[in-house]
């Protein structure tokens, strides 16, 4: 896959830095999507579903942490904070709330691009992986196009959130195998199975099953063993 398929949302209110980083990204083969504020970034995020976000914290309308929290409610999109804030407390807060990396201004273009490559590479469910031959998975009337990160039922696209897609992709990689709550939560959110995270998984799974047409008591795509986990039925 070509590198230029990656869309990077750059959220930065200082014109000179925004233009510099945008040029750097475009030259490296990425598509740069630009936003000057947190509210504008939220709209761009929803419209473009970028593969990575570079986020300044000191934005004119609200703190960039608000965008970080907004994205982390539903998605694992890699986020690199690019900030002039140098305190350890600021860095720890951003990382604890879901940032993948923290780069302090001023920065070198080589270092930032290396961090971008690392974040995309480490994003387990990034579009580039295409983990099966041809980048597709088919089971009865369900098809997953890994390259496009799109799920279809009877050739009709199903609108999933990024988290929902990541869960379906994970189950498809382990088709026929019972995936425990703990294994799914670790792969999707990088955390441990606790009451809150299990509830979050169950809510996402209920949405997935509704969207793909699974019905209670029927022979469905996804089997649930109560208290254990989920399996994509072969």
C-alpha atoms as a PDB file:
ATOM      1  CA  UNK A   1       0.000   0.000   0.000  1.00  0.00           C
ATOM      2  CA  UNK A   2       1.204   3.481  -0.789  1.00  0.00           C
ATOM      3  CA  UNK A   3       1.955   5.796   2.035  1.00  0.00           C
ATOM      4  CA  UNK A   4      -0.104   8.635   0.524  1.00  0.00           C
ATOM      5  CA  UNK A   5      -3.331   6.821   1.375  1.00  0.00           C
ATOM      6  CA  UNK A   6      -2.906   8.060   4.952  1.00  0.00           C
ATOM      7  CA  UNK A   7      -4.986  11.101   5.942  1.00  0.00           C
ATOM      8  CA  UNK A   8      -3.505  13.162   8.775  1.00  0.00           C
ATOM      9  CA  UNK A   9      -5.589  15.756  10.615  1.00  0.00           C
ATOM     10  CA  UNK A  10      -3.313  18.606  11.718  1.00  0.00           C
ATOM     11  CA  UNK A  11      -4.854  20.748  14.465  1.00  0.00           C
ATOM     12  CA  UNK A  12      -2.735  23.880  14.962  1.00  0.00           C
ATOM     13  CA  UNK A  13      -3.777  27.537  15.317  1.00  0.00           C
ATOM     14  CA  UNK A  14      -0.379  29.135  14.563  1.00  0.00           C
ATOM     15  CA  UNK A  15      -0.290  29.748  10.803  1.00  0.00           C
ATOM     16  CA  UNK A  16       3.473  29.399  10.362  1.00  0.00           C
ATOM     17  CA  UNK A  17       3.681  26.075  12.241  1.00  0.00           C
ATOM     18  CA  UNK A  18       0.536  24.732  10.549  1.00  0.00           C
ATOM     19  CA  UNK A  19       1.888  25.596   7.085  1.00  0.00           C
ATOM     20  CA  UNK A  20       5.327  24.178   7.893  1.00  0.00           C
ATOM     21  CA  UNK A  21       3.990  20.844   9.188  1.00  0.00           C
ATOM     22  CA  UNK A  22       1.407  20.579   6.383  1.00  0.00           C
ATOM     23  CA  UNK A  23       4.119  21.042   3.751  1.00  0.00           C
ATOM     24  CA  UNK A  24       6.322  18.518   5.512  1.00  0.00           C
ATOM     25  CA  UNK A  25       3.497  15.941   5.580  1.00  0.00           C
ATOM     26  CA  UNK A  26       2.489  16.489   1.952  1.00  0.00           C
ATOM     27  CA  UNK A  27       6.135  16.211   0.835  1.00  0.00           C
ATOM     28  CA  UNK A  28       6.366  12.890   2.699  1.00  0.00           C
ATOM     29  CA  UNK A  29       3.341  11.602   0.767  1.00  0.00           C
ATOM     30  CA  UNK A  30       0.566  12.075   3.337  1.00  0.00           C
ATOM     31  CA  UNK A  31      -2.717  13.927   2.842  1.00  0.00           C
ATOM     32  CA  UNK A  32      -2.882  16.814   5.327  1.00  0.00           C
ATOM     33  CA  UNK A  33      -6.288  17.973   6.586  1.00  0.00           C
ATOM     34  CA  UNK A  34      -6.038  21.284   8.430  1.00  0.00           C
ATOM     35  CA  UNK A  35      -7.948  22.726  11.389  1.00  0.00           C
ATOM     36  CA  UNK A  36      -7.292  25.865  13.459  1.00  0.00           C
ATOM     37  CA  UNK A  37      -9.572  25.164  16.440  1.00  0.00           C
ATOM     38  CA  UNK A  38     -11.002  22.329  18.482  1.00  0.00           C
ATOM     39  CA  UNK A  39     -14.540  22.763  17.112  1.00  0.00           C
ATOM     40  CA  UNK A  40     -13.276  22.843  13.517  1.00  0.00           C
ATOM     41  CA  UNK A  41     -11.146  19.750  14.216  1.00  0.00           C
ATOM     42  CA  UNK A  42     -14.198  17.829  15.497  1.00  0.00           C
ATOM     43  CA  UNK A  43     -16.038  18.538  12.224  1.00  0.00           C
ATOM     44  CA  UNK A  44     -13.000  17.572  10.123  1.00  0.00           C
ATOM     45  CA  UNK A  45     -12.542  14.408  12.162  1.00  0.00           C
ATOM     46  CA  UNK A  46     -16.150  13.322  11.560  1.00  0.00           C
ATOM     47  CA  UNK A  47     -15.988  14.183   7.847  1.00  0.00           C
ATOM     48  CA  UNK A  48     -12.617  12.633   6.983  1.00  0.00           C
ATOM     49  CA  UNK A  49     -12.043   9.901   9.639  1.00  0.00           C
ATOM     50  CA  UNK A  50      -8.273  10.521   9.479  1.00  0.00           C
ATOM     51  CA  UNK A  51      -5.685   7.796  10.033  1.00  0.00           C
ATOM     52  CA  UNK A  52      -3.745   9.971  12.500  1.00  0.00           C
ATOM     53  CA  UNK A  53      -4.124  13.297  14.333  1.00  0.00           C
ATOM     54  CA  UNK A  54      -1.351  15.779  15.156  1.00  0.00           C
ATOM     55  CA  UNK A  55      -2.787  17.913  17.932  1.00  0.00           C
ATOM     56  CA  UNK A  56      -1.732  21.222  19.470  1.00  0.00           C
ATOM     57  CA  UNK A  57      -3.121  21.699  22.976  1.00  0.00           C
ATOM     58  CA  UNK A  58      -3.254  25.499  23.124  1.00  0.00           C
ATOM     59  CA  UNK A  59      -6.173  26.117  20.762  1.00  0.00           C
ATOM     60  CA  UNK A  60      -8.178  29.377  20.655  1.00  0.00           C
ATOM     61  CA  UNK A  61     -11.636  27.975  21.512  1.00  0.00           C
ATOM     62  CA  UNK A  62     -10.806  25.211  24.015  1.00  0.00           C
ATOM     63  CA  UNK A  63      -7.955  23.011  25.179  1.00  0.00           C
ATOM     64  CA  UNK A  64      -6.863  20.325  22.721  1.00  0.00           C
ATOM     65  CA  UNK A  65      -7.440  17.741  25.476  1.00  0.00           C
ATOM     66  CA  UNK A  66     -11.170  18.102  24.665  1.00  0.00           C
ATOM     67  CA  UNK A  67     -10.547  16.766  21.148  1.00  0.00           C
ATOM     68  CA  UNK A  68      -8.435  13.959  22.584  1.00  0.00           C
ATOM     69  CA  UNK A  69     -11.307  12.951  24.891  1.00  0.00           C
ATOM     70  CA  UNK A  70     -13.841  13.294  22.041  1.00  0.00           C
ATOM     71  CA  UNK A  71     -11.903  10.938  19.739  1.00  0.00           C
ATOM     72  CA  UNK A  72     -11.138   8.404  22.473  1.00  0.00           C
ATOM     73  CA  UNK A  73     -14.846   7.930  23.233  1.00  0.00           C
ATOM     74  CA  UNK A  74     -15.182   5.808  20.078  1.00  0.00           C
ATOM     75  CA  UNK A  75     -11.882   5.360  18.288  1.00  0.00           C
ATOM     76  CA  UNK A  76      -8.248   4.313  18.514  1.00  0.00           C
ATOM     77  CA  UNK A  77      -7.063   6.825  15.903  1.00  0.00           C
ATOM     78  CA  UNK A  78      -3.385   7.503  16.741  1.00  0.00           C
ATOM     79  CA  UNK A  79      -2.897  10.981  18.243  1.00  0.00           C
ATOM     80  CA  UNK A  80       0.440  12.769  18.479  1.00  0.00           C
ATOM     81  CA  UNK A  81       0.351  15.825  20.719  1.00  0.00           C
ATOM     82  CA  UNK A  82       2.556  18.637  19.386  1.00  0.00           C
ATOM     83  CA  UNK A  83       2.797  21.233  22.128  1.00  0.00           C
ATOM     84  CA  UNK A  84       4.919  24.017  23.586  1.00  0.00           C
ATOM     85  CA  UNK A  85       3.950  22.784  27.058  1.00  0.00           C
ATOM     86  CA  UNK A  86       7.043  21.200  28.548  1.00  0.00           C
ATOM     87  CA  UNK A  87       5.895  20.218  32.053  1.00  0.00           C
ATOM     88  CA  UNK A  88       5.885  16.561  32.976  1.00  0.00           C
ATOM     89  CA  UNK A  89       2.326  16.945  34.341  1.00  0.00           C
ATOM     90  CA  UNK A  90       0.998  18.109  30.940  1.00  0.00           C
ATOM     91  CA  UNK A  91       2.735  15.247  29.179  1.00  0.00           C
ATOM     92  CA  UNK A  92       1.466  12.639  31.653  1.00  0.00           C
ATOM     93  CA  UNK A  93      -2.108  13.961  31.433  1.00  0.00           C
ATOM     94  CA  UNK A  94      -2.128  13.782  27.626  1.00  0.00           C
ATOM     95  CA  UNK A  95      -0.664  10.263  27.578  1.00  0.00           C
ATOM     96  CA  UNK A  96      -2.974   9.029  30.346  1.00  0.00           C
ATOM     97  CA  UNK A  97      -5.985  10.325  28.415  1.00  0.00           C
ATOM     98  CA  UNK A  98      -5.058   8.409  25.286  1.00  0.00           C
ATOM     99  CA  UNK A  99      -2.372  10.270  23.332  1.00  0.00           C
ATOM    100  CA  UNK A 100       0.035   7.898  21.574  1.00  0.00           C
ATOM    101  CA  UNK A 101       2.995  10.287  21.646  1.00  0.00           C
ATOM    102  CA  UNK A 102       3.990  13.750  22.847  1.00  0.00           C
ATOM    103  CA  UNK A 103       6.366  15.982  20.872  1.00  0.00           C
ATOM    104  CA  UNK A 104       7.551  19.278  22.362  1.00  0.00           C
ATOM    105  CA  UNK A 105       7.990  22.413  20.254  1.00  0.00           C
ATOM    106  CA  UNK A 106      10.405  23.334  18.777  1.00  0.00           C
ATOM    107  CA  UNK A 107      10.866  20.039  16.949  1.00  0.00           C
ATOM    108  CA  UNK A 108      12.818  18.713  13.977  1.00  0.00           C
ATOM    109  CA  UNK A 109      10.933  17.614  10.874  1.00  0.00           C
ATOM    110  CA  UNK A 110      12.847  14.322  10.829  1.00  0.00           C
ATOM    111  CA  UNK A 111      11.819  13.484  14.374  1.00  0.00           C
ATOM    112  CA  UNK A 112       8.141  14.357  13.824  1.00  0.00           C
ATOM    113  CA  UNK A 113       7.955  12.269  10.643  1.00  0.00           C
ATOM    114  CA  UNK A 114       9.591   9.350  12.470  1.00  0.00           C
ATOM    115  CA  UNK A 115       6.974   9.646  15.239  1.00  0.00           C
ATOM    116  CA  UNK A 116       4.214   9.726  12.583  1.00  0.00           C
ATOM    117  CA  UNK A 117       5.549   6.562  10.933  1.00  0.00           C
ATOM    118  CA  UNK A 118       5.842   4.819  14.308  1.00  0.00           C
ATOM    119  CA  UNK A 119       2.294   5.763  15.369  1.00  0.00           C
ATOM    120  CA  UNK A 120       0.832   4.518  12.082  1.00  0.00           C
ATOM    121  CA  UNK A 121       2.900   1.330  12.244  1.00  0.00           C
ATOM    122  CA  UNK A 122       1.834   0.637  15.830  1.00  0.00           C
ATOM    123  CA  UNK A 123      -1.848   1.215  15.120  1.00  0.00           C
ATOM    124  CA  UNK A 124      -2.757  -2.450  14.996  1.00  0.00           C
ATOM    125  CA  UNK A 125      -5.844  -2.035  12.852  1.00  0.00           C
ATOM    126  CA  UNK A 126      -4.459   0.565  10.443  1.00  0.00           C
ATOM    127  CA  UNK A 127      -5.737   0.301   6.887  1.00  0.00           C
ATOM    128  CA  UNK A 128      -2.329  -0.621   5.477  1.00  0.00           C
ATOM    129  CA  UNK A 129      -2.186  -4.039   7.072  1.00  0.00           C
ATOM    130  CA  UNK A 130      -4.701  -5.827   4.777  1.00  0.00           C
ATOM    131  CA  UNK A 131      -4.085  -8.868   6.882  1.00  0.00           C
ATOM    132  CA  UNK A 132      -5.609 -11.506   4.591  1.00  0.00           C
ATOM    133  CA  UNK A 133      -4.882 -12.260   0.895  1.00  0.00           C
ATOM    134  CA  UNK A 134      -6.561  -9.658  -1.281  1.00  0.00           C
ATOM    135  CA  UNK A 135      -7.345  -7.599   1.804  1.00  0.00           C
ATOM    136  CA  UNK A 136     -10.852  -9.128   2.049  1.00  0.00           C
ATOM    137  CA  UNK A 137     -12.692 -11.508   4.357  1.00  0.00           C
ATOM    138  CA  UNK A 138     -15.954 -13.193   3.379  1.00  0.00           C
ATOM    139  CA  UNK A 139     -18.351 -15.215   5.536  1.00  0.00           C
ATOM    140  CA  UNK A 140     -21.774 -16.018   4.049  1.00  0.00           C
ATOM    141  CA  UNK A 141     -23.271 -12.592   3.200  1.00  0.00           C
ATOM    142  CA  UNK A 142     -20.727 -10.629   5.280  1.00  0.00           C
ATOM    143  CA  UNK A 143     -17.660  -9.145   3.589  1.00  0.00           C
ATOM    144  CA  UNK A 144     -14.858  -7.095   5.163  1.00  0.00           C
ATOM    145  CA  UNK A 145     -12.658  -4.943   2.931  1.00  0.00           C
ATOM    146  CA  UNK A 146      -9.629  -4.412   5.185  1.00  0.00           C
ATOM    147  CA  UNK A 147      -7.994  -1.840   2.897  1.00  0.00           C
ATOM    148  CA  UNK A 148     -11.129   0.351   2.886  1.00  0.00           C
ATOM    149  CA  UNK A 149     -11.986  -0.488   6.540  1.00  0.00           C
ATOM    150  CA  UNK A 150     -15.525  -1.236   5.380  1.00  0.00           C
ATOM    151  CA  UNK A 151     -17.988  -4.017   6.245  1.00  0.00           C
ATOM    152  CA  UNK A 152     -20.727  -5.121   3.848  1.00  0.00           C
ATOM    153  CA  UNK A 153     -23.819  -7.306   4.215  1.00  0.00           C
ATOM    154  CA  UNK A 154     -25.142  -8.544   0.842  1.00  0.00           C
ATOM    155  CA  UNK A 155     -22.841  -5.950  -0.809  1.00  0.00           C
ATOM    156  CA  UNK A 156     -24.517  -3.122   1.131  1.00  0.00           C
ATOM    157  CA  UNK A 157     -22.073  -1.037   3.219  1.00  0.00           C
ATOM    158  CA  UNK A 158     -22.706  -1.096   6.980  1.00  0.00           C
ATOM    159  CA  UNK A 159     -21.946   2.147   8.796  1.00  0.00           C
ATOM    160  CA  UNK A 160     -19.766   1.217  11.773  1.00  0.00           C
ATOM    161  CA  UNK A 161     -17.800   3.461  14.112  1.00  0.00           C
ATOM    162  CA  UNK A 162     -14.027   2.953  14.063  1.00  0.00           C
ATOM    163  CA  UNK A 163     -14.209   0.999  17.321  1.00  0.00           C
ATOM    164  CA  UNK A 164     -16.994  -1.226  15.988  1.00  0.00           C
ATOM    165  CA  UNK A 165     -15.006  -1.885  12.821  1.00  0.00           C
ATOM    166  CA  UNK A 166     -11.885  -2.729  14.849  1.00  0.00           C
ATOM    167  CA  UNK A 167     -13.858  -5.284  16.877  1.00  0.00           C
ATOM    168  CA  UNK A 168     -15.305  -6.946  13.754  1.00  0.00           C
ATOM    169  CA  UNK A 169     -11.845  -7.042  12.120  1.00  0.00           C
ATOM    170  CA  UNK A 170     -10.356  -8.630  15.250  1.00  0.00           C
ATOM    171  CA  UNK A 171     -13.093 -11.297  15.388  1.00  0.00           C
ATOM    172  CA  UNK A 172     -12.622 -12.051  11.678  1.00  0.00           C
ATOM    173  CA  UNK A 173      -8.881 -12.617  12.201  1.00  0.00           C
ATOM    174  CA  UNK A 174      -9.829 -15.185  14.840  1.00  0.00           C
ATOM    175  CA  UNK A 175     -12.890 -16.593  13.050  1.00  0.00           C
ATOM    176  CA  UNK A 176     -14.288 -19.655  14.829  1.00  0.00           C
ATOM    177  CA  UNK A 177     -12.301 -18.956  18.004  1.00  0.00           C
ATOM    178  CA  UNK A 178     -13.950 -17.782  21.216  1.00  0.00           C
ATOM    179  CA  UNK A 179     -12.337 -14.433  22.058  1.00  0.00           C
ATOM    180  CA  UNK A 180     -12.514 -13.618  25.768  1.00  0.00           C
ATOM    181  CA  UNK A 181     -13.632 -10.197  26.969  1.00  0.00           C
ATOM    182  CA  UNK A 182     -10.096  -9.640  28.265  1.00  0.00           C
ATOM    183  CA  UNK A 183      -8.462 -10.485  24.917  1.00  0.00           C
ATOM    184  CA  UNK A 184     -10.789  -8.190  22.958  1.00  0.00           C
ATOM    185  CA  UNK A 185     -10.429  -5.301  25.414  1.00  0.00           C
ATOM    186  CA  UNK A 186      -6.614  -5.606  25.416  1.00  0.00           C
ATOM    187  CA  UNK A 187      -6.477  -5.608  21.594  1.00  0.00           C
ATOM    188  CA  UNK A 188      -8.997  -2.796  21.042  1.00  0.00           C
ATOM    189  CA  UNK A 189      -8.405  -0.408  23.956  1.00  0.00           C
ATOM    190  CA  UNK A 190      -5.056  -1.581  25.280  1.00  0.00           C
ATOM    191  CA  UNK A 191      -6.432  -1.949  28.808  1.00  0.00           C
ATOM    192  CA  UNK A 192      -7.646  -4.612  31.174  1.00  0.00           C
ATOM    193  CA  UNK A 193     -11.065  -6.206  31.601  1.00  0.00           C
ATOM    194  CA  UNK A 194     -12.863  -4.287  34.344  1.00  0.00           C
ATOM    195  CA  UNK A 195     -16.566  -3.678  34.871  1.00  0.00           C
ATOM    196  CA  UNK A 196     -16.504  -0.403  32.938  1.00  0.00           C
ATOM    197  CA  UNK A 197     -14.510  -1.722  29.987  1.00  0.00           C
ATOM    198  CA  UNK A 198     -16.632  -4.897  29.731  1.00  0.00           C
ATOM    199  CA  UNK A 199     -19.776  -2.748  29.681  1.00  0.00           C
ATOM    200  CA  UNK A 200     -18.239  -0.600  26.929  1.00  0.00           C
ATOM    201  CA  UNK A 201     -17.451  -3.734  24.906  1.00  0.00           C
ATOM    202  CA  UNK A 202     -20.990  -5.071  25.396  1.00  0.00           C
ATOM    203  CA  UNK A 203     -22.510  -1.780  24.206  1.00  0.00           C
ATOM    204  CA  UNK A 204     -20.295  -1.758  21.096  1.00  0.00           C
ATOM    205  CA  UNK A 205     -21.089  -5.415  20.413  1.00  0.00           C
ATOM    206  CA  UNK A 206     -24.849  -4.851  20.750  1.00  0.00           C
ATOM    207  CA  UNK A 207     -24.570  -2.046  18.170  1.00  0.00           C
ATOM    208  CA  UNK A 208     -22.527  -4.246  15.812  1.00  0.00           C
ATOM    209  CA  UNK A 209     -24.985  -7.145  16.029  1.00  0.00           C
ATOM    210  CA  UNK A 210     -27.941  -4.843  15.390  1.00  0.00           C
ATOM    211  CA  UNK A 211     -26.231  -3.245  12.376  1.00  0.00           C
ATOM    212  CA  UNK A 212     -25.258  -6.550  10.741  1.00  0.00           C
ATOM    213  CA  UNK A 213     -28.712  -8.015  11.308  1.00  0.00           C
ATOM    214  CA  UNK A 214     -28.051 -10.505  14.119  1.00  0.00           C
ATOM    215  CA  UNK A 215     -31.240 -11.403  16.000  1.00  0.00           C
ATOM    216  CA  UNK A 216     -31.645 -12.930  19.493  1.00  0.00           C
ATOM    217  CA  UNK A 217     -32.134 -16.688  19.359  1.00  0.00           C
ATOM    218  CA  UNK A 218     -31.110 -16.998  15.696  1.00  0.00           C
ATOM    219  CA  UNK A 219     -28.029 -18.573  14.093  1.00  0.00           C
ATOM    220  CA  UNK A 220     -26.059 -15.341  13.945  1.00  0.00           C
ATOM    221  CA  UNK A 221     -22.661 -14.184  12.720  1.00  0.00           C
ATOM    222  CA  UNK A 222     -21.506 -13.412  16.261  1.00  0.00           C
ATOM    223  CA  UNK A 223     -21.990 -15.870  19.121  1.00  0.00           C
ATOM    224  CA  UNK A 224     -21.881 -14.658  22.722  1.00  0.00           C
ATOM    225  CA  UNK A 225     -20.923 -16.948  25.577  1.00  0.00           C
ATOM    226  CA  UNK A 226     -22.155 -15.056  28.603  1.00  0.00           C
ATOM    227  CA  UNK A 227     -19.398 -14.125  31.010  1.00  0.00           C
ATOM    228  CA  UNK A 228     -16.699 -15.428  28.640  1.00  0.00           C
ATOM    229  CA  UNK A 229     -16.550 -13.622  25.300  1.00  0.00           C
ATOM    230  CA  UNK A 230     -17.542 -13.548  21.634  1.00  0.00           C
ATOM    231  CA  UNK A 231     -16.893 -15.653  18.531  1.00  0.00           C
ATOM    232  CA  UNK A 232     -17.431 -15.036  14.834  1.00  0.00           C
ATOM    233  CA  UNK A 233     -19.171 -18.220  13.694  1.00  0.00           C
ATOM    234  CA  UNK A 234     -17.505 -20.106  10.843  1.00  0.00           C
END
